[in-house]
Each structure stands twice: as structure tokens, then as C-alpha cells.
Amino acid sequence: MVEQDAASAAARLAQLKRDLREMKTLLGWSPASGRPARFMHAQSAQAHLRLAAVQQMAQSAGLPHLREYVIGPYVVLYAHSDTEVVLLALKHQRQLTYIAHQ
């Protein structure tokens, strides 16, 4: 955010944090509120490898479902069960892929 516009970075980050808190509240009531993860139908070999890594992370956490939640220009990837939600990655909508950290 600083590289894009240093003057407004702090305000944009504060807004993103507010939006993430709102998302957390909503997903607490309804974990499947996000859209189905769009990258699940990847075609390239590299995309399949990334998908497998994300699926492994979700399965190891015992959270079988992958979904995305859109917050303005950001897309949040999360895994969930009926009772638990775990944030896996956050990306700007212009980014092609998620960068997942283990």
C-alpha cells in the first residue's frame, strides 16, 4: 500500500482492517458466506501445484471447504467447516495467484 500511495496507505490499511473484522463477524454466523474459490478449476501445471498446496493446508487444519470473500479490491481465501474458519491468504484482485504462507 505504501508503494502505491504512501499518503493514503495508513487510511487504506485501517479500512481493510475494519472490513476484515466485519468479515470475521459475518463468517462467524455463516462460514459459507463467501463465493466458491474460483481457482479450484485451474488448468496449468503450476496452478495445480498451488491448488494442491492450499488444499493440503486446509485438510491438515480439518477444514474441507475453500471459499473466497471479496472486500473491495481484495480477495480473501479461507477454509472452513461448519464451526470454524481459517484465513489462508489475502490478495489484491489484480494479482493472479495467492501467496500462501505456511
C-alpha atoms as a PDB file:
ATOM      1  CA  MET A   1       0.000   0.000   0.000  1.00  0.00           C
ATOM      2  CA  VAL A   2       2.890   2.346   0.779  1.00  0.00           C
ATOM      3  CA  GLU A   3       4.440   1.747  -2.642  1.00  0.00           C
ATOM      4  CA  GLN A   4       1.141   2.526  -4.334  1.00  0.00           C
ATOM      5  CA  ASP A   5       0.406   5.750  -2.402  1.00  0.00           C
ATOM      6  CA  ALA A   6       2.256   6.489   0.816  1.00  0.00           C
ATOM      7  CA  ALA A   7      -0.009   9.395   1.754  1.00  0.00           C
ATOM      8  CA  SER A   8      -3.174   7.277   1.892  1.00  0.00           C
ATOM      9  CA  ALA A   9      -1.644   3.931   2.920  1.00  0.00           C
ATOM     10  CA  ALA A  10      -2.425   4.226   6.629  1.00  0.00           C
ATOM     11  CA  ALA A  11      -6.077   5.105   5.994  1.00  0.00           C
ATOM     12  CA  ARG A  12      -6.490   2.296   3.459  1.00  0.00           C
ATOM     13  CA  LEU A  13      -4.906  -0.212   5.833  1.00  0.00           C
ATOM     14  CA  ALA A  14      -7.204   0.926   8.649  1.00  0.00           C
ATOM     15  CA  GLN A  15     -10.213   0.448   6.345  1.00  0.00           C
ATOM     16  CA  LEU A  16      -9.031  -3.009   5.322  1.00  0.00           C
ATOM     17  CA  LYS A  17      -8.683  -3.989   8.985  1.00  0.00           C
ATOM     18  CA  ARG A  18     -12.245  -2.761   9.684  1.00  0.00           C
ATOM     19  CA  ASP A  19     -13.521  -4.738   6.695  1.00  0.00           C
ATOM     20  CA  LEU A  20     -11.677  -7.873   7.863  1.00  0.00           C
ATOM     21  CA  ARG A  21     -13.268  -7.542  11.321  1.00  0.00           C
ATOM     22  CA  GLU A  22     -16.690  -7.231   9.670  1.00  0.00           C
ATOM     23  CA  MET A  23     -15.927 -10.297   7.530  1.00  0.00           C
ATOM     24  CA  LYS A  24     -14.917 -12.201  10.674  1.00  0.00           C
ATOM     25  CA  THR A  25     -18.237 -11.387  12.319  1.00  0.00           C
ATOM     26  CA  LEU A  26     -20.234 -12.430   9.253  1.00  0.00           C
ATOM     27  CA  LEU A  27     -18.314 -15.675   8.773  1.00  0.00           C
ATOM     28  CA  GLY A  28     -18.828 -16.444  12.459  1.00  0.00           C
ATOM     29  CA  TRP A  29     -22.553 -16.578  11.750  1.00  0.00           C
ATOM     30  CA  SER A  30     -22.350 -18.140   8.302  1.00  0.00           C
ATOM     31  CA  PRO A  31     -18.992 -19.728   7.332  1.00  0.00           C
ATOM     32  CA  ALA A  32     -20.113 -20.441   3.756  1.00  0.00           C
ATOM     33  CA  SER A  33     -20.974 -16.783   3.023  1.00  0.00           C
ATOM     34  CA  GLY A  34     -18.090 -16.330   0.601  1.00  0.00           C
ATOM     35  CA  ARG A  35     -18.132 -17.434  -3.005  1.00  0.00           C
ATOM     36  CA  PRO A  36     -16.705 -20.784  -4.112  1.00  0.00           C
ATOM     37  CA  ALA A  37     -12.954 -20.420  -4.661  1.00  0.00           C
ATOM     38  CA  ARG A  38     -12.509 -19.610  -8.355  1.00  0.00           C
ATOM     39  CA  PHE A  39      -9.027 -21.052  -8.690  1.00  0.00           C
ATOM     40  CA  MET A  40     -10.332 -24.580  -7.993  1.00  0.00           C
ATOM     41  CA  HIS A  41     -10.647 -25.148 -11.741  1.00  0.00           C
ATOM     42  CA  ALA A  42      -7.053 -24.295 -12.573  1.00  0.00           C
ATOM     43  CA  GLN A  43      -5.668 -25.503 -15.885  1.00  0.00           C
ATOM     44  CA  SER A  44      -1.898 -25.012 -15.770  1.00  0.00           C
ATOM     45  CA  ALA A  45       0.534 -27.372 -14.047  1.00  0.00           C
ATOM     46  CA  GLN A  46       1.798 -24.550 -11.821  1.00  0.00           C
ATOM     47  CA  ALA A  47      -1.761 -23.672 -10.787  1.00  0.00           C
ATOM     48  CA  HIS A  48      -2.435 -27.330  -9.945  1.00  0.00           C
ATOM     49  CA  LEU A  49       0.625 -27.379  -7.686  1.00  0.00           C
ATOM     50  CA  ARG A  50      -0.502 -24.238  -5.861  1.00  0.00           C
ATOM     51  CA  LEU A  51      -4.016 -25.609  -5.548  1.00  0.00           C
ATOM     52  CA  ALA A  52      -2.687 -28.857  -4.095  1.00  0.00           C
ATOM     53  CA  ALA A  53      -0.646 -26.910  -1.521  1.00  0.00           C
ATOM     54  CA  VAL A  54      -3.665 -24.865  -0.435  1.00  0.00           C
ATOM     55  CA  GLN A  55      -5.882 -27.950  -0.275  1.00  0.00           C
ATOM     56  CA  GLN A  56      -3.259 -29.683   1.869  1.00  0.00           C
ATOM     57  CA  MET A  57      -3.202 -26.719   4.264  1.00  0.00           C
ATOM     58  CA  ALA A  58      -6.989 -26.797   4.551  1.00  0.00           C
ATOM     59  CA  GLN A  59      -7.142 -30.554   5.020  1.00  0.00           C
ATOM     60  CA  SER A  60      -4.390 -30.542   7.636  1.00  0.00           C
ATOM     61  CA  ALA A  61      -6.424 -27.982   9.581  1.00  0.00           C
ATOM     62  CA  GLY A  62      -9.514 -30.206   9.262  1.00  0.00           C
ATOM     63  CA  LEU A  63     -11.331 -27.600   7.175  1.00  0.00           C
ATOM     64  CA  PRO A  64     -12.530 -29.216   3.955  1.00  0.00           C
ATOM     65  CA  HIS A  65     -14.178 -26.264   2.187  1.00  0.00           C
ATOM     66  CA  LEU A  66     -12.333 -23.468   0.349  1.00  0.00           C
ATOM     67  CA  ARG A  67     -14.089 -20.181  -0.345  1.00  0.00           C
ATOM     68  CA  GLU A  68     -13.281 -16.578  -1.203  1.00  0.00           C
ATOM     69  CA  TYR A  69     -14.628 -13.400   0.349  1.00  0.00           C
ATOM     70  CA  VAL A  70     -14.371 -10.127  -1.563  1.00  0.00           C
ATOM     71  CA  ILE A  71     -13.502  -6.951   0.332  1.00  0.00           C
ATOM     72  CA  GLY A  72     -13.320  -4.035  -2.093  1.00  0.00           C
ATOM     73  CA  PRO A  73     -10.278  -4.663  -4.287  1.00  0.00           C
ATOM     74  CA  TYR A  74      -9.086  -7.586  -2.112  1.00  0.00           C
ATOM     75  CA  VAL A  75      -9.978 -11.259  -2.166  1.00  0.00           C
ATOM     76  CA  VAL A  76      -9.617 -13.335   0.992  1.00  0.00           C
ATOM     77  CA  LEU A  77      -9.102 -17.081   0.621  1.00  0.00           C
ATOM     78  CA  TYR A  78     -10.351 -19.080   3.580  1.00  0.00           C
ATOM     79  CA  ALA A  79     -11.036 -22.663   4.581  1.00  0.00           C
ATOM     80  CA  HIS A  80     -13.986 -23.619   6.729  1.00  0.00           C
ATOM     81  CA  SER A  81     -16.058 -26.321   8.314  1.00  0.00           C
ATOM     82  CA  ASP A  82     -19.498 -25.837   9.851  1.00  0.00           C
ATOM     83  CA  THR A  83     -17.953 -24.411  13.017  1.00  0.00           C
ATOM     84  CA  GLU A  84     -14.513 -22.995  12.156  1.00  0.00           C
ATOM     85  CA  VAL A  85     -12.991 -20.562   9.657  1.00  0.00           C
ATOM     86  CA  VAL A  86      -9.270 -20.041   8.935  1.00  0.00           C
ATOM     87  CA  LEU A  87      -7.866 -17.262   6.786  1.00  0.00           C
ATOM     88  CA  LEU A  88      -5.369 -18.730   4.321  1.00  0.00           C
ATOM     89  CA  ALA A  89      -4.367 -15.827   2.085  1.00  0.00           C
ATOM     90  CA  LEU A  90      -5.202 -12.297   1.006  1.00  0.00           C
ATOM     91  CA  LYS A  91      -4.556 -10.847  -2.438  1.00  0.00           C
ATOM     92  CA  HIS A  92      -5.385  -7.794  -4.468  1.00  0.00           C
ATOM     93  CA  GLN A  93      -7.818  -8.617  -7.259  1.00  0.00           C
ATOM     94  CA  ARG A  94      -5.134  -7.700  -9.834  1.00  0.00           C
ATOM     95  CA  GLN A  95      -2.808 -10.416  -8.531  1.00  0.00           C
ATOM     96  CA  LEU A  96      -3.054 -13.655 -10.461  1.00  0.00           C
ATOM     97  CA  THR A  97      -2.403 -16.034  -7.603  1.00  0.00           C
ATOM     98  CA  TYR A  98      -2.481 -16.203  -3.850  1.00  0.00           C
ATOM     99  CA  ILE A  99       0.769 -16.366  -1.976  1.00  0.00           C
ATOM    100  CA  ALA A 100       0.019 -18.743   0.857  1.00  0.00           C
ATOM    101  CA  HIS A 101       2.271 -18.800   3.898  1.00  0.00           C
ATOM    102  CA  GLN A 102       2.508 -21.948   5.975  1.00  0.00           C
END
